[in-house]
Structure formats: C-alpha cells, structure tokens
Amino acid sequence: MAKKVLVIDDEPEMLSLVKYTLEHGGFEVHTCDNGRHAWDEIAKVKPDVLVLDVMLPGIDGYSLQLKIAAEPTTKDLPIVVLTALEPSKTLFQKFPQVVGFMTKPFKTEELLKTVQDACSKVPG
C-alpha cells in the first residue's frame, strides 16, 4: 500500500510540482493550500509524512509544527520542511519529527529521496 503524504503549501505551482514528483515516486499525495485548513486535513488524511511550507496564510508552518508536536496523535509524524526561508532551519532543528529541511528551489530527485527517507522512519 502506498504511503500517504500531505503537502501543505500556498503556492499552486509548488503544490502541483511536489504532488507530481511524489506520485511518480509511488506515494499517495494529498494537498492543502493554507495553514487554517491544515490541521483538519492532517486529521482527515492521517498522512505517513507531512511536507510543510513555513510561510502559509492563516497559521504559519512553525505554529502548525508546535501544535503537531504537542498532540499525542501527531507528535511522531515525520515532517519535511520545504521553504524559501533558509534562516528558519534553526527554528525547526529542535523538533525530533522534522526529519528533512529543504529550501526552494529544490531538485525533485532530492525531494523524493528526502520523503522516502522520512517514510523509513514511520513505524510499521
């Protein structure tokens, strides 16, 4: 069964590129385009891996990460941060579930490898 990935990014072109890349890598991909709806999507999709942008409308990626880390049902969810904000890397390093950090623009092969590596950290 394909691993489920939820991609949260507010740029339609980025969502399309990430979805296309990961689907061709064999993943079941779901998308969400803002922080306000992200929590509901996480609960609905129950992803194996989350690909998270930092700058989002509604709730930013860092605030979302804080909520994910605090919730028992999501605290072990592997997260790949995908952002144009290289300096935000230090903010996310303290979270054990952030297993990858990539900056935009990115190489699609690197994204696929990072998400595959994140999946290897999923229990079961």
PDB file of N, CA and C in Angstrom:
ATOM      1  N   MET A   1       0.837  -1.188   0.000  1.00  0.00           N
ATOM      2  CA  MET A   1       0.000   0.000   0.000  1.00  0.00           C
ATOM      3  C   MET A   1       0.880   1.249   0.000  1.00  0.00           C
ATOM      4  N   ALA A   2       0.510   2.224  -0.804  1.00  0.00           N
ATOM      5  CA  ALA A   2       1.309   3.447  -0.924  1.00  0.00           C
ATOM      6  C   ALA A   2       1.271   4.251   0.368  1.00  0.00           C
ATOM      7  N   LYS A   3       2.398   4.818   0.713  1.00  0.00           N
ATOM      8  CA  LYS A   3       2.463   5.709   1.866  1.00  0.00           C
ATOM      9  C   LYS A   3       1.759   7.010   1.504  1.00  0.00           C
ATOM     10  N   LYS A   4       1.062   7.593   2.500  1.00  0.00           N
ATOM     11  CA  LYS A   4       0.331   8.838   2.270  1.00  0.00           C
ATOM     12  C   LYS A   4       1.186  10.036   2.671  1.00  0.00           C
ATOM     13  N   VAL A   5       1.230  11.017   1.785  1.00  0.00           N
ATOM     14  CA  VAL A   5       1.955  12.253   2.052  1.00  0.00           C
ATOM     15  C   VAL A   5       0.960  13.401   1.950  1.00  0.00           C
ATOM     16  N   LEU A   6       0.970  14.288   2.945  1.00  0.00           N
ATOM     17  CA  LEU A   6       0.177  15.506   2.882  1.00  0.00           C
ATOM     18  C   LEU A   6       1.138  16.665   2.651  1.00  0.00           C
ATOM     19  N   VAL A   7       0.898  17.418   1.586  1.00  0.00           N
ATOM     20  CA  VAL A   7       1.740  18.566   1.237  1.00  0.00           C
ATOM     21  C   VAL A   7       0.959  19.834   1.568  1.00  0.00           C
ATOM     22  N   ILE A   8       1.541  20.692   2.410  1.00  0.00           N
ATOM     23  CA  ILE A   8       0.897  21.947   2.785  1.00  0.00           C
ATOM     24  C   ILE A   8       1.749  23.097   2.262  1.00  0.00           C
ATOM     25  N   ASP A   9       1.230  23.793   1.252  1.00  0.00           N
ATOM     26  CA  ASP A   9       1.935  24.910   0.624  1.00  0.00           C
ATOM     27  C   ASP A   9       0.890  25.813  -0.012  1.00  0.00           C
ATOM     28  N   ASP A  10       1.108  27.130   0.030  1.00  0.00           N
ATOM     29  CA  ASP A  10       0.103  28.048  -0.509  1.00  0.00           C
ATOM     30  C   ASP A  10       0.337  28.419  -1.970  1.00  0.00           C
ATOM     31  N   GLU A  11       1.408  27.910  -2.577  1.00  0.00           N
ATOM     32  CA  GLU A  11       1.680  28.217  -3.981  1.00  0.00           C
ATOM     33  C   GLU A  11       1.170  27.072  -4.865  1.00  0.00           C
ATOM     34  N   PRO A  12       0.177  27.340  -5.730  1.00  0.00           N
ATOM     35  CA  PRO A  12      -0.396  26.271  -6.572  1.00  0.00           C
ATOM     36  C   PRO A  12       0.647  25.559  -7.428  1.00  0.00           C
ATOM     37  N   GLU A  13       1.607  26.299  -7.997  1.00  0.00           N
ATOM     38  CA  GLU A  13       2.630  25.665  -8.845  1.00  0.00           C
ATOM     39  C   GLU A  13       3.499  24.719  -8.019  1.00  0.00           C
ATOM     40  N   MET A  14       3.812  25.126  -6.794  1.00  0.00           N
ATOM     41  CA  MET A  14       4.636  24.288  -5.910  1.00  0.00           C
ATOM     42  C   MET A  14       3.868  23.027  -5.523  1.00  0.00           C
ATOM     43  N   LEU A  15       2.586  23.177  -5.192  1.00  0.00           N
ATOM     44  CA  LEU A  15       1.763  22.006  -4.853  1.00  0.00           C
ATOM     45  C   LEU A  15       1.734  21.024  -6.017  1.00  0.00           C
ATOM     46  N   SER A  16       1.550  21.553  -7.228  1.00  0.00           N
ATOM     47  CA  SER A  16       1.496  20.689  -8.416  1.00  0.00           C
ATOM     48  C   SER A  16       2.809  19.964  -8.637  1.00  0.00           C
ATOM     49  N   LEU A  17       3.916  20.676  -8.517  1.00  0.00           N
ATOM     50  CA  LEU A  17       5.235  20.076  -8.733  1.00  0.00           C
ATOM     51  C   LEU A  17       5.534  18.996  -7.697  1.00  0.00           C
ATOM     52  N   VAL A  18       5.271  19.298  -6.430  1.00  0.00           N
ATOM     53  CA  VAL A  18       5.541  18.330  -5.362  1.00  0.00           C
ATOM     54  C   VAL A  18       4.627  17.110  -5.514  1.00  0.00           C
ATOM     55  N   LYS A  19       3.342  17.351  -5.799  1.00  0.00           N
ATOM     56  CA  LYS A  19       2.386  16.248  -5.979  1.00  0.00           C
ATOM     57  C   LYS A  19       2.819  15.348  -7.139  1.00  0.00           C
ATOM     58  N   TYR A  20       3.151  15.955  -8.270  1.00  0.00           N
ATOM     59  CA  TYR A  20       3.587  15.202  -9.448  1.00  0.00           C
ATOM     60  C   TYR A  20       4.831  14.369  -9.122  1.00  0.00           C
ATOM     61  N   THR A  21       5.801  14.998  -8.487  1.00  0.00           N
ATOM     62  CA  THR A  21       7.065  14.320  -8.146  1.00  0.00           C
ATOM     63  C   THR A  21       6.822  13.117  -7.245  1.00  0.00           C
ATOM     64  N   LEU A  22       6.043  13.326  -6.193  1.00  0.00           N
ATOM     65  CA  LEU A  22       5.832  12.250  -5.219  1.00  0.00           C
ATOM     66  C   LEU A  22       4.913  11.153  -5.749  1.00  0.00           C
ATOM     67  N   GLU A  23       3.907  11.521  -6.554  1.00  0.00           N
ATOM     68  CA  GLU A  23       3.044  10.487  -7.144  1.00  0.00           C
ATOM     69  C   GLU A  23       3.850   9.594  -8.078  1.00  0.00           C
ATOM     70  N   HIS A  24       4.751  10.183  -8.841  1.00  0.00           N
ATOM     71  CA  HIS A  24       5.596   9.369  -9.716  1.00  0.00           C
ATOM     72  C   HIS A  24       6.600   8.539  -8.923  1.00  0.00           C
ATOM     73  N   GLY A  25       6.813   8.897  -7.668  1.00  0.00           N
ATOM     74  CA  GLY A  25       7.656   8.110  -6.779  1.00  0.00           C
ATOM     75  C   GLY A  25       6.876   7.036  -6.043  1.00  0.00           C
ATOM     76  N   GLY A  26       5.569   6.918  -6.342  1.00  0.00           N
ATOM     77  CA  GLY A  26       4.772   5.845  -5.763  1.00  0.00           C
ATOM     78  C   GLY A  26       3.986   6.218  -4.515  1.00  0.00           C
ATOM     79  N   PHE A  27       3.906   7.497  -4.191  1.00  0.00           N
ATOM     80  CA  PHE A  27       3.175   7.924  -2.999  1.00  0.00           C
ATOM     81  C   PHE A  27       1.736   8.314  -3.329  1.00  0.00           C
ATOM     82  N   GLU A  28       0.870   8.168  -2.333  1.00  0.00           N
ATOM     83  CA  GLU A  28      -0.486   8.715  -2.411  1.00  0.00           C
ATOM     84  C   GLU A  28      -0.375  10.131  -1.849  1.00  0.00           C
ATOM     85  N   VAL A  29      -0.676  11.145  -2.669  1.00  0.00           N
ATOM     86  CA  VAL A  29      -0.414  12.529  -2.273  1.00  0.00           C
ATOM     87  C   VAL A  29      -1.716  13.311  -2.091  1.00  0.00           C
ATOM     88  N   HIS A  30      -1.803  13.995  -0.957  1.00  0.00           N
ATOM     89  CA  HIS A  30      -2.916  14.896  -0.664  1.00  0.00           C
ATOM     90  C   HIS A  30      -2.318  16.287  -0.497  1.00  0.00           C
ATOM     91  N   THR A  31      -3.097  17.319  -0.821  1.00  0.00           N
ATOM     92  CA  THR A  31      -2.574  18.677  -0.716  1.00  0.00           C
ATOM     93  C   THR A  31      -3.511  19.576   0.083  1.00  0.00           C
ATOM     94  N   CYS A  32      -2.923  20.628   0.645  1.00  0.00           N
ATOM     95  CA  CYS A  32      -3.662  21.642   1.384  1.00  0.00           C
ATOM     96  C   CYS A  32      -2.956  22.965   1.113  1.00  0.00           C
ATOM     97  N   ASP A  33      -3.739  24.022   0.827  1.00  0.00           N
ATOM     98  CA  ASP A  33      -3.101  25.260   0.406  1.00  0.00           C
ATOM     99  C   ASP A  33      -3.090  26.379   1.448  1.00  0.00           C
ATOM    100  N   ASN A  34      -3.452  26.067   2.704  1.00  0.00           N
ATOM    101  CA  ASN A  34      -3.295  27.092   3.740  1.00  0.00           C
ATOM    102  C   ASN A  34      -3.247  26.495   5.135  1.00  0.00           C
ATOM    103  N   GLY A  35      -2.673  27.262   6.038  1.00  0.00           N
ATOM    104  CA  GLY A  35      -2.484  26.795   7.404  1.00  0.00           C
ATOM    105  C   GLY A  35      -3.782  26.633   8.174  1.00  0.00           C
ATOM    106  N   ARG A  36      -4.790  27.428   7.822  1.00  0.00           N
ATOM    107  CA  ARG A  36      -6.070  27.365   8.531  1.00  0.00           C
ATOM    108  C   ARG A  36      -6.726  25.995   8.400  1.00  0.00           C
ATOM    109  N   HIS A  37      -6.615  25.395   7.222  1.00  0.00           N
ATOM    110  CA  HIS A  37      -7.266  24.097   6.991  1.00  0.00           C
ATOM    111  C   HIS A  37      -6.328  22.915   7.245  1.00  0.00           C
ATOM    112  N   ALA A  38      -5.071  23.204   7.490  1.00  0.00           N
ATOM    113  CA  ALA A  38      -4.065  22.136   7.584  1.00  0.00           C
ATOM    114  C   ALA A  38      -4.371  21.124   8.687  1.00  0.00           C
ATOM    115  N   TRP A  39      -4.766  21.605   9.848  1.00  0.00           N
ATOM    116  CA  TRP A  39      -4.999  20.689  10.965  1.00  0.00           C
ATOM    117  C   TRP A  39      -6.129  19.712  10.637  1.00  0.00           C
ATOM    118  N   ASP A  40      -7.215  20.227  10.015  1.00  0.00           N
ATOM    119  CA  ASP A  40      -8.332  19.358   9.624  1.00  0.00           C
ATOM    120  C   ASP A  40      -7.874  18.319   8.603  1.00  0.00           C
ATOM    121  N   GLU A  41      -7.033  18.748   7.665  1.00  0.00           N
ATOM    122  CA  GLU A  41      -6.519  17.823   6.643  1.00  0.00           C
ATOM    123  C   GLU A  41      -5.650  16.742   7.268  1.00  0.00           C
ATOM    124  N   ILE A  42      -4.818  17.124   8.237  1.00  0.00           N
ATOM    125  CA  ILE A  42      -3.958  16.141   8.917  1.00  0.00           C
ATOM    126  C   ILE A  42      -4.840  15.097   9.600  1.00  0.00           C
ATOM    127  N   ALA A  43      -5.892  15.549  10.264  1.00  0.00           N
ATOM    128  CA  ALA A  43      -6.805  14.626  10.957  1.00  0.00           C
ATOM    129  C   ALA A  43      -7.540  13.727   9.969  1.00  0.00           C
ATOM    130  N   LYS A  44      -7.939  14.290   8.828  1.00  0.00           N
ATOM    131  CA  LYS A  44      -8.706  13.527   7.836  1.00  0.00           C
ATOM    132  C   LYS A  44      -7.819  12.532   7.076  1.00  0.00           C
ATOM    133  N   VAL A  45      -6.678  12.998   6.602  1.00  0.00           N
ATOM    134  CA  VAL A  45      -5.805  12.180   5.751  1.00  0.00           C
ATOM    135  C   VAL A  45      -4.995  11.172   6.558  1.00  0.00           C
ATOM    136  N   LYS A  46      -4.602  11.548   7.785  1.00  0.00           N
ATOM    137  CA  LYS A  46      -3.695  10.730   8.608  1.00  0.00           C
ATOM    138  C   LYS A  46      -2.453  10.335   7.789  1.00  0.00           C
ATOM    139  N   PRO A  47      -1.678  11.343   7.367  1.00  0.00           N
ATOM    140  CA  PRO A  47      -0.530  11.075   6.497  1.00  0.00           C
ATOM    141  C   PRO A  47       0.586  10.321   7.218  1.00  0.00           C
ATOM    142  N   ASP A  48       1.392   9.617   6.412  1.00  0.00           N
ATOM    143  CA  ASP A  48       2.588   8.963   6.942  1.00  0.00           C
ATOM    144  C   ASP A  48       3.723   9.972   7.047  1.00  0.00           C
ATOM    145  N   VAL A  49       3.688  10.974   6.172  1.00  0.00           N
ATOM    146  CA  VAL A  49       4.701  12.034   6.139  1.00  0.00           C
ATOM    147  C   VAL A  49       4.011  13.339   5.782  1.00  0.00           C
ATOM    148  N   LEU A  50       4.501  14.426   6.364  1.00  0.00           N
ATOM    149  CA  LEU A  50       3.986  15.759   6.067  1.00  0.00           C
ATOM    150  C   LEU A  50       5.091  16.578   5.402  1.00  0.00           C
ATOM    151  N   VAL A  51       4.770  17.203   4.262  1.00  0.00           N
ATOM    152  CA  VAL A  51       5.687  18.147   3.619  1.00  0.00           C
ATOM    153  C   VAL A  51       5.092  19.526   3.896  1.00  0.00           C
ATOM    154  N   LEU A  52       5.835  20.359   4.632  1.00  0.00           N
ATOM    155  CA  LEU A  52       5.294  21.582   5.202  1.00  0.00           C
ATOM    156  C   LEU A  52       6.068  22.819   4.779  1.00  0.00           C
ATOM    157  N   ASP A  53       5.352  23.804   4.268  1.00  0.00           N
ATOM    158  CA  ASP A  53       5.929  25.118   3.974  1.00  0.00           C
ATOM    159  C   ASP A  53       5.905  25.934   5.264  1.00  0.00           C
ATOM    160  N   VAL A  54       6.746  26.967   5.346  1.00  0.00           N
ATOM    161  CA  VAL A  54       6.784  27.810   6.542  1.00  0.00           C
ATOM    162  C   VAL A  54       5.819  28.985   6.409  1.00  0.00           C
ATOM    163  N   MET A  55       5.886  29.685   5.288  1.00  0.00           N
ATOM    164  CA  MET A  55       5.031  30.864   5.096  1.00  0.00           C
ATOM    165  C   MET A  55       3.690  30.432   4.512  1.00  0.00           C
ATOM    166  N   LEU A  56       2.671  30.425   5.365  1.00  0.00           N
ATOM    167  CA  LEU A  56       1.333  29.996   4.961  1.00  0.00           C
ATOM    168  C   LEU A  56       0.307  31.014   5.431  1.00  0.00           C
ATOM    169  N   PRO A  57      -0.779  31.192   4.676  1.00  0.00           N
ATOM    170  CA  PRO A  57      -1.855  32.055   5.166  1.00  0.00           C
ATOM    171  C   PRO A  57      -2.604  31.345   6.296  1.00  0.00           C
ATOM    172  N   GLY A  58      -3.089  32.124   7.255  1.00  0.00           N
ATOM    173  CA  GLY A  58      -3.842  31.527   8.364  1.00  0.00           C
ATOM    174  C   GLY A  58      -2.929  31.199   9.518  1.00  0.00           C
ATOM    175  N   ILE A  59      -2.360  30.032   9.485  1.00  0.00           N
ATOM    176  CA  ILE A  59      -1.410  29.592  10.514  1.00  0.00           C
ATOM    177  C   ILE A  59      -0.103  29.276   9.801  1.00  0.00           C
ATOM    178  N   ASP A  60       1.000  29.859  10.267  1.00  0.00           N
ATOM    179  CA  ASP A  60       2.276  29.585   9.601  1.00  0.00           C
ATOM    180  C   ASP A  60       2.781  28.192   9.968  1.00  0.00           C
ATOM    181  N   GLY A  61       3.740  27.703   9.190  1.00  0.00           N
ATOM    182  CA  GLY A  61       4.261  26.351   9.370  1.00  0.00           C
ATOM    183  C   GLY A  61       4.871  26.110  10.734  1.00  0.00           C
ATOM    184  N   TYR A  62       5.503  27.133  11.302  1.00  0.00           N
ATOM    185  CA  TYR A  62       6.127  26.962  12.618  1.00  0.00           C
ATOM    186  C   TYR A  62       5.050  26.765  13.694  1.00  0.00           C
ATOM    187  N   SER A  63       3.994  27.577  13.659  1.00  0.00           N
ATOM    188  CA  SER A  63       2.901  27.433  14.629  1.00  0.00           C
ATOM    189  C   SER A  63       2.217  26.078  14.471  1.00  0.00           C
ATOM    190  N   LEU A  64       2.065  25.649  13.237  1.00  0.00           N
ATOM    191  CA  LEU A  64       1.480  24.338  12.956  1.00  0.00           C
ATOM    192  C   LEU A  64       2.373  23.232  13.527  1.00  0.00           C
ATOM    193  N   GLN A  65       3.671  23.384  13.344  1.00  0.00           N
ATOM    194  CA  GLN A  65       4.635  22.420  13.883  1.00  0.00           C
ATOM    195  C   GLN A  65       4.519  22.330  15.408  1.00  0.00           C
ATOM    196  N   LEU A  66       4.360  23.458  16.074  1.00  0.00           N
ATOM    197  CA  LEU A  66       4.202  23.458  17.536  1.00  0.00           C
ATOM    198  C   LEU A  66       2.969  22.649  17.945  1.00  0.00           C
ATOM    199  N   LYS A  67       1.879  22.827  17.214  1.00  0.00           N
ATOM    200  CA  LYS A  67       0.639  22.101  17.515  1.00  0.00           C
ATOM    201  C   LYS A  67       0.821  20.600  17.246  1.00  0.00           C
ATOM    202  N   ILE A  68       1.454  20.273  16.132  1.00  0.00           N
ATOM    203  CA  ILE A  68       1.704  18.868  15.788  1.00  0.00           C
ATOM    204  C   ILE A  68       2.547  18.196  16.870  1.00  0.00           C
ATOM    205  N   ALA A  69       3.584  18.888  17.335  1.00  0.00           N
ATOM    206  CA  ALA A  69       4.488  18.331  18.354  1.00  0.00           C
ATOM    207  C   ALA A  69       3.784  18.139  19.695  1.00  0.00           C
ATOM    208  N   ALA A  70       2.774  18.976  19.970  1.00  0.00           N
ATOM    209  CA  ALA A  70       2.078  18.919  21.261  1.00  0.00           C
ATOM    210  C   ALA A  70       0.976  17.863  21.317  1.00  0.00           C
ATOM    211  N   GLU A  71       0.504  17.430  20.166  1.00  0.00           N
ATOM    212  CA  GLU A  71      -0.617  16.480  20.120  1.00  0.00           C
ATOM    213  C   GLU A  71      -0.121  15.034  20.148  1.00  0.00           C
ATOM    214  N   PRO A  72      -0.629  14.214  21.054  1.00  0.00           N
ATOM    215  CA  PRO A  72      -0.205  12.807  21.120  1.00  0.00           C
ATOM    216  C   PRO A  72      -0.412  12.046  19.813  1.00  0.00           C
ATOM    217  N   THR A  73      -1.482  12.371  19.064  1.00  0.00           N
ATOM    218  CA  THR A  73      -1.777  11.634  17.837  1.00  0.00           C
ATOM    219  C   THR A  73      -0.842  11.993  16.683  1.00  0.00           C
ATOM    220  N   THR A  74      -0.160  13.145  16.773  1.00  0.00           N
ATOM    221  CA  THR A  74       0.684  13.581  15.652  1.00  0.00           C
ATOM    222  C   THR A  74       2.135  13.820  16.042  1.00  0.00           C
ATOM    223  N   LYS A  75       2.482  13.682  17.310  1.00  0.00           N
ATOM    224  CA  LYS A  75       3.836  14.056  17.739  1.00  0.00           C
ATOM    225  C   LYS A  75       4.946  13.222  17.090  1.00  0.00           C
ATOM    226  N   ASP A  76       4.613  12.054  16.546  1.00  0.00           N
ATOM    227  CA  ASP A  76       5.619  11.214  15.888  1.00  0.00           C
ATOM    228  C   ASP A  76       5.543  11.282  14.362  1.00  0.00           C
ATOM    229  N   LEU A  77       4.714  12.193  13.830  1.00  0.00           N
ATOM    230  CA  LEU A  77       4.554  12.332  12.385  1.00  0.00           C
ATOM    231  C   LEU A  77       5.829  12.925  11.774  1.00  0.00           C
ATOM    232  N   PRO A  78       6.510  12.187  10.880  1.00  0.00           N
ATOM    233  CA  PRO A  78       7.718  12.736  10.255  1.00  0.00           C
ATOM    234  C   PRO A  78       7.362  13.923   9.352  1.00  0.00           C
ATOM    235  N   ILE A  79       8.155  14.978   9.473  1.00  0.00           N
ATOM    236  CA  ILE A  79       7.885  16.200   8.720  1.00  0.00           C
ATOM    237  C   ILE A  79       9.110  16.591   7.904  1.00  0.00           C
ATOM    238  N   VAL A  80       8.851  16.944   6.642  1.00  0.00           N
ATOM    239  CA  VAL A  80       9.878  17.521   5.777  1.00  0.00           C
ATOM    240  C   VAL A  80       9.475  18.983   5.571  1.00  0.00           C
ATOM    241  N   VAL A  81      10.308  19.896   6.023  1.00  0.00           N
ATOM    242  CA  VAL A  81      10.039  21.317   5.836  1.00  0.00           C
ATOM    243  C   VAL A  81      10.585  21.713   4.463  1.00  0.00           C
ATOM    244  N   LEU A  82       9.732  22.355   3.663  1.00  0.00           N
ATOM    245  CA  LEU A  82      10.102  22.785   2.313  1.00  0.00           C
ATOM    246  C   LEU A  82       9.791  24.273   2.221  1.00  0.00           C
ATOM    247  N   THR A  83      10.828  25.116   2.229  1.00  0.00           N
ATOM    248  CA  THR A  83      10.611  26.553   2.346  1.00  0.00           C
ATOM    249  C   THR A  83      11.638  27.372   1.573  1.00  0.00           C
ATOM    250  N   ALA A  84      11.269  28.599   1.303  1.00  0.00           N
ATOM    251  CA  ALA A  84      12.216  29.543   0.711  1.00  0.00           C
ATOM    252  C   ALA A  84      13.006  30.248   1.818  1.00  0.00           C
ATOM    253  N   LEU A  85      12.625  30.035   3.066  1.00  0.00           N
ATOM    254  CA  LEU A  85      13.251  30.707   4.211  1.00  0.00           C
ATOM    255  C   LEU A  85      14.362  29.870   4.826  1.00  0.00           C
ATOM    256  N   GLU A  86      15.523  29.866   4.232  1.00  0.00           N
ATOM    257  CA  GLU A  86      16.666  29.119   4.756  1.00  0.00           C
ATOM    258  C   GLU A  86      16.934  29.432   6.234  1.00  0.00           C
ATOM    259  N   PRO A  87      16.854  30.705   6.677  1.00  0.00           N
ATOM    260  CA  PRO A  87      17.146  31.008   8.090  1.00  0.00           C
ATOM    261  C   PRO A  87      16.214  30.329   9.089  1.00  0.00           C
ATOM    262  N   SER A  88      15.040  29.885   8.641  1.00  0.00           N
ATOM    263  CA  SER A  88      14.108  29.241   9.573  1.00  0.00           C
ATOM    264  C   SER A  88      14.570  27.840   9.983  1.00  0.00           C
ATOM    265  N   LYS A  89      15.604  27.334   9.334  1.00  0.00           N
ATOM    266  CA  LYS A  89      16.097  25.980   9.639  1.00  0.00           C
ATOM    267  C   LYS A  89      16.400  25.817  11.130  1.00  0.00           C
ATOM    268  N   THR A  90      17.016  26.823  11.734  1.00  0.00           N
ATOM    269  CA  THR A  90      17.375  26.712  13.148  1.00  0.00           C
ATOM    270  C   THR A  90      16.142  26.579  14.039  1.00  0.00           C
ATOM    271  N   LEU A  91      15.029  27.190  13.656  1.00  0.00           N
ATOM    272  CA  LEU A  91      13.795  27.072  14.435  1.00  0.00           C
ATOM    273  C   LEU A  91      13.291  25.634  14.475  1.00  0.00           C
ATOM    274  N   PHE A  92      13.445  24.947  13.356  1.00  0.00           N
ATOM    275  CA  PHE A  92      12.883  23.601  13.242  1.00  0.00           C
ATOM    276  C   PHE A  92      13.818  22.499  13.743  1.00  0.00           C
ATOM    277  N   GLN A  93      15.095  22.815  13.944  1.00  0.00           N
ATOM    278  CA  GLN A  93      16.044  21.776  14.336  1.00  0.00           C
ATOM    279  C   GLN A  93      15.750  21.171  15.699  1.00  0.00           C
ATOM    280  N   LYS A  94      15.013  21.891  16.543  1.00  0.00           N
ATOM    281  CA  LYS A  94      14.743  21.367  17.887  1.00  0.00           C
ATOM    282  C   LYS A  94      13.635  20.320  17.918  1.00  0.00           C
ATOM    283  N   PHE A  95      12.954  20.134  16.785  1.00  0.00           N
ATOM    284  CA  PHE A  95      11.859  19.168  16.740  1.00  0.00           C
ATOM    285  C   PHE A  95      12.348  17.831  16.191  1.00  0.00           C
ATOM    286  N   PRO A  96      12.251  16.769  16.982  1.00  0.00           N
ATOM    287  CA  PRO A  96      12.746  15.471  16.503  1.00  0.00           C
ATOM    288  C   PRO A  96      11.993  14.943  15.290  1.00  0.00           C
ATOM    289  N   GLN A  97      10.711  15.330  15.131  1.00  0.00           N
ATOM    290  CA  GLN A  97       9.977  14.785  13.991  1.00  0.00           C
ATOM    291  C   GLN A  97      10.269  15.507  12.684  1.00  0.00           C
ATOM    292  N   VAL A  98      11.014  16.618  12.727  1.00  0.00           N
ATOM    293  CA  VAL A  98      11.426  17.265  11.477  1.00  0.00           C
ATOM    294  C   VAL A  98      12.643  16.497  10.966  1.00  0.00           C
ATOM    295  N   VAL A  99      12.396  15.621  10.002  1.00  0.00           N
ATOM    296  CA  VAL A  99      13.435  14.701   9.527  1.00  0.00           C
ATOM    297  C   VAL A  99      14.114  15.197   8.254  1.00  0.00           C
ATOM    298  N   GLY A 100      13.592  16.291   7.693  1.00  0.00           N
ATOM    299  CA  GLY A 100      14.196  16.843   6.488  1.00  0.00           C
ATOM    300  C   GLY A 100      13.919  18.330   6.405  1.00  0.00           C
ATOM    301  N   PHE A 101      14.859  19.066   5.850  1.00  0.00           N
ATOM    302  CA  PHE A 101      14.681  20.506   5.646  1.00  0.00           C
ATOM    303  C   PHE A 101      15.233  20.831   4.273  1.00  0.00           C
ATOM    304  N   MET A 102      14.385  21.347   3.398  1.00  0.00           N
ATOM    305  CA  MET A 102      14.808  21.664   2.035  1.00  0.00           C
ATOM    306  C   MET A 102      14.407  23.093   1.704  1.00  0.00           C
ATOM    307  N   THR A 103      15.255  23.757   0.925  1.00  0.00           N
ATOM    308  CA  THR A 103      14.924  25.112   0.513  1.00  0.00           C
ATOM    309  C   THR A 103      14.505  25.129  -0.947  1.00  0.00           C
ATOM    310  N   LYS A 104      13.586  26.063  -1.250  1.00  0.00           N
ATOM    311  CA  LYS A 104      13.139  26.274  -2.624  1.00  0.00           C
ATOM    312  C   LYS A 104      14.096  27.270  -3.269  1.00  0.00           C
ATOM    313  N   PRO A 105      14.398  27.117  -4.527  1.00  0.00           N
ATOM    314  CA  PRO A 105      14.038  25.995  -5.398  1.00  0.00           C
ATOM    315  C   PRO A 105      14.793  24.731  -4.990  1.00  0.00           C
ATOM    316  N   PHE A 106      14.238  23.590  -5.342  1.00  0.00           N
ATOM    317  CA  PHE A 106      14.820  22.307  -4.954  1.00  0.00           C
ATOM    318  C   PHE A 106      14.898  21.388  -6.165  1.00  0.00           C
ATOM    319  N   LYS A 107      15.696  20.334  -6.028  1.00  0.00           N
ATOM    320  CA  LYS A 107      15.781  19.311  -7.070  1.00  0.00           C
ATOM    321  C   LYS A 107      14.733  18.246  -6.743  1.00  0.00           C
ATOM    322  N   THR A 108      13.939  17.864  -7.744  1.00  0.00           N
ATOM    323  CA  THR A 108      12.862  16.910  -7.498  1.00  0.00           C
ATOM    324  C   THR A 108      13.390  15.567  -6.986  1.00  0.00           C
ATOM    325  N   GLU A 109      14.573  15.142  -7.483  1.00  0.00           N
ATOM    326  CA  GLU A 109      15.139  13.863  -7.014  1.00  0.00           C
ATOM    327  C   GLU A 109      15.461  13.945  -5.520  1.00  0.00           C
ATOM    328  N   GLU A 110      15.949  15.117  -5.075  1.00  0.00           N
ATOM    329  CA  GLU A 110      16.278  15.276  -3.654  1.00  0.00           C
ATOM    330  C   GLU A 110      15.021  15.253  -2.799  1.00  0.00           C
ATOM    331  N   LEU A 111      13.946  15.875  -3.289  1.00  0.00           N
ATOM    332  CA  LEU A 111      12.685  15.859  -2.550  1.00  0.00           C
ATOM    333  C   LEU A 111      12.187  14.420  -2.413  1.00  0.00           C
ATOM    334  N   LEU A 112      12.186  13.685  -3.506  1.00  0.00           N
ATOM    335  CA  LEU A 112      11.723  12.305  -3.478  1.00  0.00           C
ATOM    336  C   LEU A 112      12.553  11.477  -2.497  1.00  0.00           C
ATOM    337  N   LYS A 113      13.858  11.619  -2.533  1.00  0.00           N
ATOM    338  CA  LYS A 113      14.740  10.874  -1.620  1.00  0.00           C
ATOM    339  C   LYS A 113      14.463  11.261  -0.164  1.00  0.00           C
ATOM    340  N   THR A 114      14.298  12.561   0.094  1.00  0.00           N
ATOM    341  CA  THR A 114      14.041  13.027   1.460  1.00  0.00           C
ATOM    342  C   THR A 114      12.730  12.457   1.993  1.00  0.00           C
ATOM    343  N   VAL A 115      11.689  12.426   1.162  1.00  0.00           N
ATOM    344  CA  VAL A 115      10.397  11.887   1.593  1.00  0.00           C
ATOM    345  C   VAL A 115      10.481  10.363   1.764  1.00  0.00           C
ATOM    346  N   GLN A 116      11.208   9.696   0.873  1.00  0.00           N
ATOM    347  CA  GLN A 116      11.407   8.248   1.043  1.00  0.00           C
ATOM    348  C   GLN A 116      12.129   7.953   2.362  1.00  0.00           C
ATOM    349  N   ASP A 117      13.167   8.748   2.657  1.00  0.00           N
ATOM    350  CA  ASP A 117      13.895   8.576   3.917  1.00  0.00           C
ATOM    351  C   ASP A 117      12.965   8.829   5.118  1.00  0.00           C
ATOM    352  N   ALA A 118      12.103   9.847   4.993  1.00  0.00           N
ATOM    353  CA  ALA A 118      11.159  10.149   6.069  1.00  0.00           C
ATOM    354  C   ALA A 118      10.209   8.976   6.295  1.00  0.00           C
ATOM    355  N   CYS A 119       9.791   8.334   5.206  1.00  0.00           N
ATOM    356  CA  CYS A 119       8.896   7.173   5.314  1.00  0.00           C
ATOM    357  C   CYS A 119       9.554   6.007   6.035  1.00  0.00           C
ATOM    358  N   SER A 120      10.858   5.900   5.893  1.00  0.00           N
ATOM    359  CA  SER A 120      11.561   4.800   6.562  1.00  0.00           C
ATOM    360  C   SER A 120      11.543   5.010   8.081  1.00  0.00           C
ATOM    361  N   LYS A 121      11.199   6.207   8.530  1.00  0.00           N
ATOM    362  CA  LYS A 121      11.123   6.487   9.965  1.00  0.00           C
ATOM    363  C   LYS A 121       9.719   6.275  10.524  1.00  0.00           C
ATOM    364  N   VAL A 122       8.777   5.912   9.629  1.00  0.00           N
ATOM    365  CA  VAL A 122       7.391   5.677  10.040  1.00  0.00           C
ATOM    366  C   VAL A 122       7.291   4.291  10.660  1.00  0.00           C
ATOM    367  N   PRO A 123       6.769   4.198  11.886  1.00  0.00           N
ATOM    368  CA  PRO A 123       6.605   2.877  12.498  1.00  0.00           C
ATOM    369  C   PRO A 123       5.625   2.033  11.675  1.00  0.00           C
ATOM    370  N   GLY A 124       5.909   0.751  11.565  1.00  0.00           N
ATOM    371  CA  GLY A 124       5.021  -0.158  10.843  1.00  0.00           C
ATOM    372  C   GLY A 124       5.305  -0.076   9.405  1.00  0.00           C
TER     373      GLY A 124
END
